[in-house]
Amino acid sequence: MRTLERTRQDLAAFLRTCRERTQPEQVGLPGGARRRTPGLRREELAALAGVGVTWYTWLEQGRDSGVSADFLDRLARVLSLSAAERHHLFLLAHNRPPVEQGKTWCTVPPLVLRLMHDLPHAAYILNLRWDILAFNSAADALFGFVRHEPIQRNLLWLMFMDPDLRARFADPQVQTAQVISRFRQDYARAAKATDIDALVDELATLSPEFREMWRDQSVPAPSPGVSTLNLNGERVNVEHTSFITDADRHLRMVVYARQQAG
C-alpha cells in the first residue's frame, strides 16, 4: 500500500510539472521573454492559491506538509487540472480520491440501454436525483412506471405519492424508511441549489410522512437486498441490487430478480 511518505516525492514532481506547463497568460498574469523559468513562478502560484510561498515551496520539495481539501481544490483550479488530474492530485496528497459533488444527469448511453433491455430480470436506470431514466418491460410489470408521464417518473416521488406503487410492497413503511436512508447518501453528493433540493422541498410540502421521516435524520441498518412484493394476489420475495454504469455521471442500474428457494 502506498503511503504519504512514498507519494510525497510523486506529489512534488506532479506539482512542478503542472506549474511549469501553466502559462502566466492563462491566469491573468503578464508573460514575456524575460522569464527564466517555464510556466508560473512558485511565488505566483502560491499567491493565486492563497498560501505562503515558503509553505508551497516545501510542498514542491517533497517535505512533510499537510494539505487541506480546500487548498487542493484551489490549486486544481489555478492549474486548470482536468478531472482525471484533480483525482490524481488528491490521491497523491491524501491517498484517497476527492469527494465529488454530484450533478443529476438525464442521458443514458445506448449500450447501457441495450444491456438493460437484454436482461431477463426487471431493471431500471436511476440518476443522482432518482429520476427513472429508463426501464425494461419486466420492471414496468412490477412497478407500473409507464402509468406516469416521464417527468413524474422519480422513484422517491413515487414511493410517497403513488398509492398503487406503495401497495406493491408488503411492508411499505419499512421500504420508505430504507429508500430515504439510501436517498440521503445521494442527496449529500449532490450540489446545492439544484433540482434535487426542489424535489425534497416539494415532497416535504405535499407528504407529511416524507416531511416527518426527512426531519427524523435516523439511519436504518443497510437493507438486506430483499423485498416482499404483492403480485397477482401472492407475496413474492425479490432480491435487488444496483450496478454503477457511469460513476462520473452518477448513473446506476437497479435489478430485481425472484429470490431462489434454499
C-alpha atoms as a PDB file:
ATOM      1  CA  MET A   1       0.000   0.000   0.000  1.00  0.00           C
ATOM      2  CA  ARG A   2       1.301   3.466  -0.926  1.00  0.00           C
ATOM      3  CA  THR A   3       1.781   5.831   1.999  1.00  0.00           C
ATOM      4  CA  LEU A   4       2.052   9.611   2.144  1.00  0.00           C
ATOM      5  CA  GLU A   5       5.801   9.173   2.724  1.00  0.00           C
ATOM      6  CA  ARG A   6       6.149   7.301  -0.555  1.00  0.00           C
ATOM      7  CA  THR A   7       3.865   9.622  -2.550  1.00  0.00           C
ATOM      8  CA  ARG A   8       5.368  12.890  -1.291  1.00  0.00           C
ATOM      9  CA  GLN A   9       8.045  12.967  -3.984  1.00  0.00           C
ATOM     10  CA  ASP A  10       5.493  11.970  -6.609  1.00  0.00           C
ATOM     11  CA  LEU A  11       3.289  14.869  -5.474  1.00  0.00           C
ATOM     12  CA  ALA A  12       6.218  17.266  -5.665  1.00  0.00           C
ATOM     13  CA  ALA A  13       7.089  16.164  -9.208  1.00  0.00           C
ATOM     14  CA  PHE A  14       3.449  16.361 -10.326  1.00  0.00           C
ATOM     15  CA  LEU A  15       3.056  19.890  -8.964  1.00  0.00           C
ATOM     16  CA  ARG A  16       6.257  21.068 -10.648  1.00  0.00           C
ATOM     17  CA  THR A  17       5.127  19.639 -13.980  1.00  0.00           C
ATOM     18  CA  CYS A  18       1.691  21.263 -13.747  1.00  0.00           C
ATOM     19  CA  ARG A  19       3.142  24.620 -12.651  1.00  0.00           C
ATOM     20  CA  GLU A  20       5.714  24.712 -15.423  1.00  0.00           C
ATOM     21  CA  ARG A  21       3.146  23.994 -18.120  1.00  0.00           C
ATOM     22  CA  THR A  22       0.739  26.709 -16.894  1.00  0.00           C
ATOM     23  CA  GLN A  23       1.377  29.930 -18.807  1.00  0.00           C
ATOM     24  CA  PRO A  24       1.087  33.273 -16.969  1.00  0.00           C
ATOM     25  CA  GLU A  25      -1.457  34.494 -19.515  1.00  0.00           C
ATOM     26  CA  GLN A  26      -3.800  31.630 -18.523  1.00  0.00           C
ATOM     27  CA  VAL A  27      -4.187  33.089 -15.033  1.00  0.00           C
ATOM     28  CA  GLY A  28      -4.208  36.770 -15.961  1.00  0.00           C
ATOM     29  CA  LEU A  29      -0.511  37.499 -15.384  1.00  0.00           C
ATOM     30  CA  PRO A  30       1.814  39.179 -17.898  1.00  0.00           C
ATOM     31  CA  GLY A  31       4.105  36.912 -19.848  1.00  0.00           C
ATOM     32  CA  GLY A  32       7.195  37.958 -21.727  1.00  0.00           C
ATOM     33  CA  ALA A  33      10.584  36.756 -22.862  1.00  0.00           C
ATOM     34  CA  ARG A  34      12.366  37.831 -19.662  1.00  0.00           C
ATOM     35  CA  ARG A  35      11.049  34.901 -17.678  1.00  0.00           C
ATOM     36  CA  ARG A  36      13.881  32.484 -16.935  1.00  0.00           C
ATOM     37  CA  THR A  37      11.653  29.568 -15.931  1.00  0.00           C
ATOM     38  CA  PRO A  38       8.830  27.975 -17.870  1.00  0.00           C
ATOM     39  CA  GLY A  39       5.279  28.473 -16.701  1.00  0.00           C
ATOM     40  CA  LEU A  40       4.376  30.094 -13.397  1.00  0.00           C
ATOM     41  CA  ARG A  41       6.840  31.015 -10.684  1.00  0.00           C
ATOM     42  CA  ARG A  42       6.360  29.382  -7.302  1.00  0.00           C
ATOM     43  CA  GLU A  43       5.504  32.688  -5.660  1.00  0.00           C
ATOM     44  CA  GLU A  44       2.876  33.385  -8.310  1.00  0.00           C
ATOM     45  CA  LEU A  45       1.188  30.015  -7.869  1.00  0.00           C
ATOM     46  CA  ALA A  46       1.329  30.331  -4.077  1.00  0.00           C
ATOM     47  CA  ALA A  47      -0.330  33.757  -4.208  1.00  0.00           C
ATOM     48  CA  LEU A  48      -3.050  32.564  -6.594  1.00  0.00           C
ATOM     49  CA  ALA A  49      -3.753  29.524  -4.391  1.00  0.00           C
ATOM     50  CA  GLY A  50      -3.836  31.648  -1.227  1.00  0.00           C
ATOM     51  CA  VAL A  51      -0.821  30.207   0.644  1.00  0.00           C
ATOM     52  CA  GLY A  52       2.630  31.409   1.594  1.00  0.00           C
ATOM     53  CA  VAL A  53       5.450  30.880  -0.855  1.00  0.00           C
ATOM     54  CA  THR A  54       7.657  29.167   1.771  1.00  0.00           C
ATOM     55  CA  TRP A  55       4.938  26.665   2.591  1.00  0.00           C
ATOM     56  CA  TYR A  56       4.267  25.951  -1.089  1.00  0.00           C
ATOM     57  CA  THR A  57       7.990  25.595  -1.782  1.00  0.00           C
ATOM     58  CA  TRP A  58       8.248  22.950   0.936  1.00  0.00           C
ATOM     59  CA  LEU A  59       5.359  21.105  -0.676  1.00  0.00           C
ATOM     60  CA  GLU A  60       7.072  21.150  -4.059  1.00  0.00           C
ATOM     61  CA  GLN A  61      10.291  19.977  -2.452  1.00  0.00           C
ATOM     62  CA  GLY A  62       8.585  16.902  -1.043  1.00  0.00           C
ATOM     63  CA  ARG A  63       8.681  17.975   2.583  1.00  0.00           C
ATOM     64  CA  ASP A  64       6.102  16.858   5.141  1.00  0.00           C
ATOM     65  CA  SER A  65       3.334  19.455   4.787  1.00  0.00           C
ATOM     66  CA  GLY A  66      -0.310  18.686   5.462  1.00  0.00           C
ATOM     67  CA  VAL A  67      -2.745  19.967   2.849  1.00  0.00           C
ATOM     68  CA  SER A  68      -6.487  20.542   3.090  1.00  0.00           C
ATOM     69  CA  ALA A  69      -9.080  19.563   0.513  1.00  0.00           C
ATOM     70  CA  ASP A  70      -9.961  23.263   0.058  1.00  0.00           C
ATOM     71  CA  PHE A  71      -6.357  24.081  -0.812  1.00  0.00           C
ATOM     72  CA  LEU A  72      -6.147  21.194  -3.276  1.00  0.00           C
ATOM     73  CA  ASP A  73      -9.336  22.420  -4.955  1.00  0.00           C
ATOM     74  CA  ARG A  74      -7.898  25.929  -5.267  1.00  0.00           C
ATOM     75  CA  LEU A  75      -4.673  24.529  -6.648  1.00  0.00           C
ATOM     76  CA  ALA A  76      -6.551  22.427  -9.193  1.00  0.00           C
ATOM     77  CA  ARG A  77      -8.481  25.482 -10.387  1.00  0.00           C
ATOM     78  CA  VAL A  78      -5.379  27.674 -10.723  1.00  0.00           C
ATOM     79  CA  LEU A  79      -3.536  24.957 -12.639  1.00  0.00           C
ATOM     80  CA  SER A  80      -6.615  24.177 -14.783  1.00  0.00           C
ATOM     81  CA  LEU A  81      -6.360  20.483 -13.949  1.00  0.00           C
ATOM     82  CA  SER A  82      -8.639  18.077 -15.745  1.00  0.00           C
ATOM     83  CA  ALA A  83     -10.996  15.864 -13.735  1.00  0.00           C
ATOM     84  CA  ALA A  84      -8.533  12.979 -14.031  1.00  0.00           C
ATOM     85  CA  GLU A  85      -5.611  15.164 -12.947  1.00  0.00           C
ATOM     86  CA  ARG A  86      -7.556  16.536  -9.974  1.00  0.00           C
ATOM     87  CA  HIS A  87      -8.375  12.958  -8.954  1.00  0.00           C
ATOM     88  CA  HIS A  88      -4.672  12.090  -9.212  1.00  0.00           C
ATOM     89  CA  LEU A  89      -3.702  15.151  -7.141  1.00  0.00           C
ATOM     90  CA  PHE A  90      -5.959  14.049  -4.276  1.00  0.00           C
ATOM     91  CA  LEU A  91      -4.630  10.506  -4.423  1.00  0.00           C
ATOM     92  CA  LEU A  92      -1.061  11.761  -4.140  1.00  0.00           C
ATOM     93  CA  ALA A  93      -1.812  14.233  -1.349  1.00  0.00           C
ATOM     94  CA  HIS A  94      -4.425  12.329   0.668  1.00  0.00           C
ATOM     95  CA  ASN A  95      -4.192   8.734  -0.554  1.00  0.00           C
ATOM     96  CA  ARG A  96      -7.884   8.978  -1.405  1.00  0.00           C
ATOM     97  CA  PRO A  97      -9.918  10.498  -4.223  1.00  0.00           C
ATOM     98  CA  PRO A  98     -11.741  13.815  -3.746  1.00  0.00           C
ATOM     99  CA  VAL A  99     -15.340  13.936  -2.600  1.00  0.00           C
ATOM    100  CA  GLU A 100     -17.140  14.814  -5.797  1.00  0.00           C
ATOM    101  CA  GLN A 101     -20.231  16.972  -5.784  1.00  0.00           C
ATOM    102  CA  GLY A 102     -22.741  15.201  -7.930  1.00  0.00           C
ATOM    103  CA  LYS A 103     -24.995  16.578 -10.601  1.00  0.00           C
ATOM    104  CA  THR A 104     -28.093  14.973 -11.994  1.00  0.00           C
ATOM    105  CA  TRP A 105     -27.763  13.524 -15.474  1.00  0.00           C
ATOM    106  CA  CYS A 106     -30.534  12.643 -17.879  1.00  0.00           C
ATOM    107  CA  THR A 107     -28.892  10.787 -20.769  1.00  0.00           C
ATOM    108  CA  VAL A 108     -28.402   7.011 -20.738  1.00  0.00           C
ATOM    109  CA  PRO A 109     -25.697   5.664 -23.079  1.00  0.00           C
ATOM    110  CA  PRO A 110     -27.094   3.397 -25.836  1.00  0.00           C
ATOM    111  CA  LEU A 111     -25.004   0.412 -24.724  1.00  0.00           C
ATOM    112  CA  VAL A 112     -26.434   0.617 -21.191  1.00  0.00           C
ATOM    113  CA  LEU A 113     -29.956   0.752 -22.622  1.00  0.00           C
ATOM    114  CA  ARG A 114     -29.281  -2.313 -24.744  1.00  0.00           C
ATOM    115  CA  LEU A 115     -27.874  -4.260 -21.823  1.00  0.00           C
ATOM    116  CA  MET A 116     -30.860  -3.320 -19.666  1.00  0.00           C
ATOM    117  CA  HIS A 117     -33.380  -4.473 -22.252  1.00  0.00           C
ATOM    118  CA  ASP A 118     -31.455  -7.711 -22.833  1.00  0.00           C
ATOM    119  CA  LEU A 119     -31.723  -8.681 -19.162  1.00  0.00           C
ATOM    120  CA  PRO A 120     -34.277 -11.372 -18.264  1.00  0.00           C
ATOM    121  CA  HIS A 121     -34.942  -9.553 -14.968  1.00  0.00           C
ATOM    122  CA  ALA A 122     -36.648  -6.290 -14.063  1.00  0.00           C
ATOM    123  CA  ALA A 123     -34.219  -3.369 -14.355  1.00  0.00           C
ATOM    124  CA  TYR A 124     -34.284   0.400 -14.448  1.00  0.00           C
ATOM    125  CA  ILE A 125     -31.756   3.259 -14.592  1.00  0.00           C
ATOM    126  CA  LEU A 126     -31.548   5.994 -11.942  1.00  0.00           C
ATOM    127  CA  ASN A 127     -29.613   9.236 -11.835  1.00  0.00           C
ATOM    128  CA  LEU A 128     -28.464  11.085  -8.708  1.00  0.00           C
ATOM    129  CA  ARG A 129     -31.898  12.683  -8.268  1.00  0.00           C
ATOM    130  CA  TRP A 130     -33.507   9.241  -8.549  1.00  0.00           C
ATOM    131  CA  ASP A 131     -35.263  10.053 -11.795  1.00  0.00           C
ATOM    132  CA  ILE A 132     -36.170   6.807 -13.562  1.00  0.00           C
ATOM    133  CA  LEU A 133     -34.459   7.480 -16.879  1.00  0.00           C
ATOM    134  CA  ALA A 134     -35.214   4.120 -18.486  1.00  0.00           C
ATOM    135  CA  PHE A 135     -36.742   0.753 -17.617  1.00  0.00           C
ATOM    136  CA  ASN A 136     -37.457  -2.569 -19.283  1.00  0.00           C
ATOM    137  CA  SER A 137     -40.794  -4.305 -19.652  1.00  0.00           C
ATOM    138  CA  ALA A 138     -40.185  -6.571 -16.667  1.00  0.00           C
ATOM    139  CA  ALA A 139     -39.665  -3.534 -14.413  1.00  0.00           C
ATOM    140  CA  ASP A 140     -42.827  -1.934 -15.748  1.00  0.00           C
ATOM    141  CA  ALA A 141     -44.750  -5.129 -14.977  1.00  0.00           C
ATOM    142  CA  LEU A 142     -43.517  -4.920 -11.367  1.00  0.00           C
ATOM    143  CA  PHE A 143     -43.934  -1.212 -10.713  1.00  0.00           C
ATOM    144  CA  GLY A 144     -46.160   0.278 -13.419  1.00  0.00           C
ATOM    145  CA  PHE A 145     -43.777   3.050 -14.432  1.00  0.00           C
ATOM    146  CA  VAL A 146     -45.494   3.587 -17.778  1.00  0.00           C
ATOM    147  CA  ARG A 147     -48.617   4.838 -15.997  1.00  0.00           C
ATOM    148  CA  HIS A 148     -46.745   8.065 -15.267  1.00  0.00           C
ATOM    149  CA  GLU A 149     -45.518  10.767 -17.582  1.00  0.00           C
ATOM    150  CA  PRO A 150     -41.699  10.806 -17.944  1.00  0.00           C
ATOM    151  CA  ILE A 151     -41.406  13.999 -15.897  1.00  0.00           C
ATOM    152  CA  GLN A 152     -43.189  12.259 -12.991  1.00  0.00           C
ATOM    153  CA  ARG A 153     -41.022   9.139 -13.022  1.00  0.00           C
ATOM    154  CA  ASN A 154     -38.945   9.709  -9.935  1.00  0.00           C
ATOM    155  CA  LEU A 155     -38.509   6.789  -7.553  1.00  0.00           C
ATOM    156  CA  LEU A 156     -38.532   8.880  -4.378  1.00  0.00           C
ATOM    157  CA  TRP A 157     -41.630  10.749  -5.527  1.00  0.00           C
ATOM    158  CA  LEU A 158     -43.477   7.569  -6.487  1.00  0.00           C
ATOM    159  CA  MET A 159     -42.684   5.834  -3.206  1.00  0.00           C
ATOM    160  CA  PHE A 160     -44.510   8.578  -1.304  1.00  0.00           C
ATOM    161  CA  MET A 161     -47.063   9.870  -3.798  1.00  0.00           C
ATOM    162  CA  ASP A 162     -48.207   6.797  -5.772  1.00  0.00           C
ATOM    163  CA  PRO A 163     -50.526   4.601  -3.645  1.00  0.00           C
ATOM    164  CA  ASP A 164     -50.522   1.863  -6.294  1.00  0.00           C
ATOM    165  CA  LEU A 165     -46.747   1.555  -6.174  1.00  0.00           C
ATOM    166  CA  ARG A 166     -46.736   1.534  -2.376  1.00  0.00           C
ATOM    167  CA  ALA A 167     -49.338  -1.230  -2.425  1.00  0.00           C
ATOM    168  CA  ARG A 168     -46.893  -3.405  -4.381  1.00  0.00           C
ATOM    169  CA  PHE A 169     -44.755  -3.659  -1.235  1.00  0.00           C
ATOM    170  CA  ALA A 170     -45.870  -5.853   1.641  1.00  0.00           C
ATOM    171  CA  ASP A 171     -44.133  -3.535   4.158  1.00  0.00           C
ATOM    172  CA  PRO A 172     -44.326  -0.013   2.670  1.00  0.00           C
ATOM    173  CA  GLN A 173     -43.289   1.764   5.895  1.00  0.00           C
ATOM    174  CA  VAL A 174     -40.086  -0.262   6.148  1.00  0.00           C
ATOM    175  CA  GLN A 175     -39.484   0.208   2.435  1.00  0.00           C
ATOM    176  CA  THR A 176     -39.867   4.000   2.548  1.00  0.00           C
ATOM    177  CA  ALA A 177     -37.510   4.234   5.535  1.00  0.00           C
ATOM    178  CA  GLN A 178     -34.859   2.328   3.598  1.00  0.00           C
ATOM    179  CA  VAL A 179     -35.485   4.428   0.492  1.00  0.00           C
ATOM    180  CA  ILE A 180     -34.970   7.689   2.391  1.00  0.00           C
ATOM    181  CA  SER A 181     -31.806   6.333   4.016  1.00  0.00           C
ATOM    182  CA  ARG A 182     -30.304   5.476   0.627  1.00  0.00           C
ATOM    183  CA  PHE A 183     -31.505   8.718  -0.952  1.00  0.00           C
ATOM    184  CA  ARG A 184     -29.777  10.756   1.774  1.00  0.00           C
ATOM    185  CA  GLN A 185     -26.432   9.440   0.550  1.00  0.00           C
ATOM    186  CA  ASP A 186     -27.074  10.738  -2.964  1.00  0.00           C
ATOM    187  CA  TYR A 187     -28.507  13.986  -1.608  1.00  0.00           C
ATOM    188  CA  ALA A 188     -25.226  14.535   0.251  1.00  0.00           C
ATOM    189  CA  ARG A 189     -23.296  14.054  -3.001  1.00  0.00           C
ATOM    190  CA  ALA A 190     -25.443  16.485  -4.958  1.00  0.00           C
ATOM    191  CA  ALA A 191     -24.534  20.110  -5.449  1.00  0.00           C
ATOM    192  CA  LYS A 192     -26.684  22.549  -3.515  1.00  0.00           C
ATOM    193  CA  ALA A 193     -29.377  24.703  -5.113  1.00  0.00           C
ATOM    194  CA  THR A 194     -30.198  22.141  -7.773  1.00  0.00           C
ATOM    195  CA  ASP A 195     -33.334  20.301  -8.809  1.00  0.00           C
ATOM    196  CA  ILE A 196     -32.640  17.707  -6.138  1.00  0.00           C
ATOM    197  CA  ASP A 197     -33.354  20.358  -3.485  1.00  0.00           C
ATOM    198  CA  ALA A 198     -36.566  21.286  -5.294  1.00  0.00           C
ATOM    199  CA  LEU A 199     -37.667  17.630  -5.194  1.00  0.00           C
ATOM    200  CA  VAL A 200     -37.097  17.398  -1.428  1.00  0.00           C
ATOM    201  CA  ASP A 201     -38.850  20.717  -0.779  1.00  0.00           C
ATOM    202  CA  GLU A 202     -41.886  19.751  -2.842  1.00  0.00           C
ATOM    203  CA  LEU A 203     -42.218  16.333  -1.219  1.00  0.00           C
ATOM    204  CA  ALA A 204     -41.896  17.899   2.227  1.00  0.00           C
ATOM    205  CA  THR A 205     -44.796  20.181   1.328  1.00  0.00           C
ATOM    206  CA  LEU A 206     -47.052  17.508  -0.162  1.00  0.00           C
ATOM    207  CA  SER A 207     -46.312  14.479   2.017  1.00  0.00           C
ATOM    208  CA  PRO A 208     -46.484  14.751   5.831  1.00  0.00           C
ATOM    209  CA  GLU A 209     -44.974  11.254   6.009  1.00  0.00           C
ATOM    210  CA  PHE A 210     -41.960  12.297   3.958  1.00  0.00           C
ATOM    211  CA  ARG A 211     -41.591  15.534   5.903  1.00  0.00           C
ATOM    212  CA  GLU A 212     -41.517  13.696   9.232  1.00  0.00           C
ATOM    213  CA  MET A 213     -39.131  10.995   8.019  1.00  0.00           C
ATOM    214  CA  TRP A 214     -36.804  13.508   6.365  1.00  0.00           C
ATOM    215  CA  ARG A 215     -36.580  15.577   9.545  1.00  0.00           C
ATOM    216  CA  ASP A 216     -36.062  12.482  11.675  1.00  0.00           C
ATOM    217  CA  GLN A 217     -32.469  12.000  10.443  1.00  0.00           C
ATOM    218  CA  SER A 218     -32.477   8.347  11.554  1.00  0.00           C
ATOM    219  CA  VAL A 219     -30.288   5.964   9.586  1.00  0.00           C
ATOM    220  CA  PRO A 220     -31.698   2.420   9.440  1.00  0.00           C
ATOM    221  CA  ALA A 221     -29.423  -0.580   9.099  1.00  0.00           C
ATOM    222  CA  PRO A 222     -28.475  -1.405   5.498  1.00  0.00           C
ATOM    223  CA  SER A 223     -31.177  -3.208   3.555  1.00  0.00           C
ATOM    224  CA  PRO A 224     -30.566  -6.946   3.103  1.00  0.00           C
ATOM    225  CA  GLY A 225     -31.419  -6.525  -0.576  1.00  0.00           C
ATOM    226  CA  VAL A 226     -34.677  -8.453  -0.395  1.00  0.00           C
ATOM    227  CA  SER A 227     -38.196  -7.028  -0.700  1.00  0.00           C
ATOM    228  CA  THR A 228     -41.584  -8.709  -0.450  1.00  0.00           C
ATOM    229  CA  LEU A 229     -43.979  -7.701  -3.208  1.00  0.00           C
ATOM    230  CA  ASN A 230     -47.699  -8.266  -3.623  1.00  0.00           C
ATOM    231  CA  LEU A 231     -48.016  -9.715  -7.119  1.00  0.00           C
ATOM    232  CA  ASN A 232     -51.223 -11.138  -8.536  1.00  0.00           C
ATOM    233  CA  GLY A 233     -52.631 -11.984  -5.130  1.00  0.00           C
ATOM    234  CA  GLU A 234     -49.496 -13.624  -3.746  1.00  0.00           C
ATOM    235  CA  ARG A 235     -46.461 -12.468  -1.828  1.00  0.00           C
ATOM    236  CA  VAL A 236     -43.193 -12.859  -3.691  1.00  0.00           C
ATOM    237  CA  ASN A 237     -39.700 -12.245  -2.337  1.00  0.00           C
ATOM    238  CA  VAL A 238     -37.438 -10.480  -4.798  1.00  0.00           C
ATOM    239  CA  GLU A 239     -33.741  -9.761  -4.465  1.00  0.00           C
ATOM    240  CA  HIS A 240     -32.403  -6.463  -5.730  1.00  0.00           C
ATOM    241  CA  THR A 241     -29.017  -4.900  -6.279  1.00  0.00           C
ATOM    242  CA  SER A 242     -27.560  -1.989  -8.209  1.00  0.00           C
ATOM    243  CA  PHE A 243     -24.626  -1.537 -10.555  1.00  0.00           C
ATOM    244  CA  ILE A 244     -22.809   1.706 -11.309  1.00  0.00           C
ATOM    245  CA  THR A 245     -22.947   2.196 -15.062  1.00  0.00           C
ATOM    246  CA  ASP A 246     -21.262   5.614 -15.133  1.00  0.00           C
ATOM    247  CA  ALA A 247     -19.585   6.836 -11.944  1.00  0.00           C
ATOM    248  CA  ASP A 248     -18.840  10.340 -13.251  1.00  0.00           C
ATOM    249  CA  ARG A 249     -22.466  10.898 -14.263  1.00  0.00           C
ATOM    250  CA  HIS A 250     -23.852   9.067 -11.229  1.00  0.00           C
ATOM    251  CA  LEU A 251     -25.921   6.626 -13.277  1.00  0.00           C
ATOM    252  CA  ARG A 252     -26.769   3.195 -11.910  1.00  0.00           C
ATOM    253  CA  MET A 253     -28.868   0.232 -12.932  1.00  0.00           C
ATOM    254  CA  VAL A 254     -31.141  -1.394 -10.354  1.00  0.00           C
ATOM    255  CA  VAL A 255     -32.028  -5.052 -10.983  1.00  0.00           C
ATOM    256  CA  TYR A 256     -34.735  -7.194  -9.346  1.00  0.00           C
ATOM    257  CA  ALA A 257     -34.941 -10.988  -9.506  1.00  0.00           C
ATOM    258  CA  ARG A 258     -37.160 -13.508  -7.756  1.00  0.00           C
ATOM    259  CA  GLN A 259     -35.451 -14.987  -4.742  1.00  0.00           C
ATOM    260  CA  GLN A 260     -34.430 -18.570  -5.274  1.00  0.00           C
ATOM    261  CA  ALA A 261     -35.539 -21.157  -2.729  1.00  0.00           C
ATOM    262  CA  GLY A 262     -32.917 -22.582  -0.392  1.00  0.00           C
END
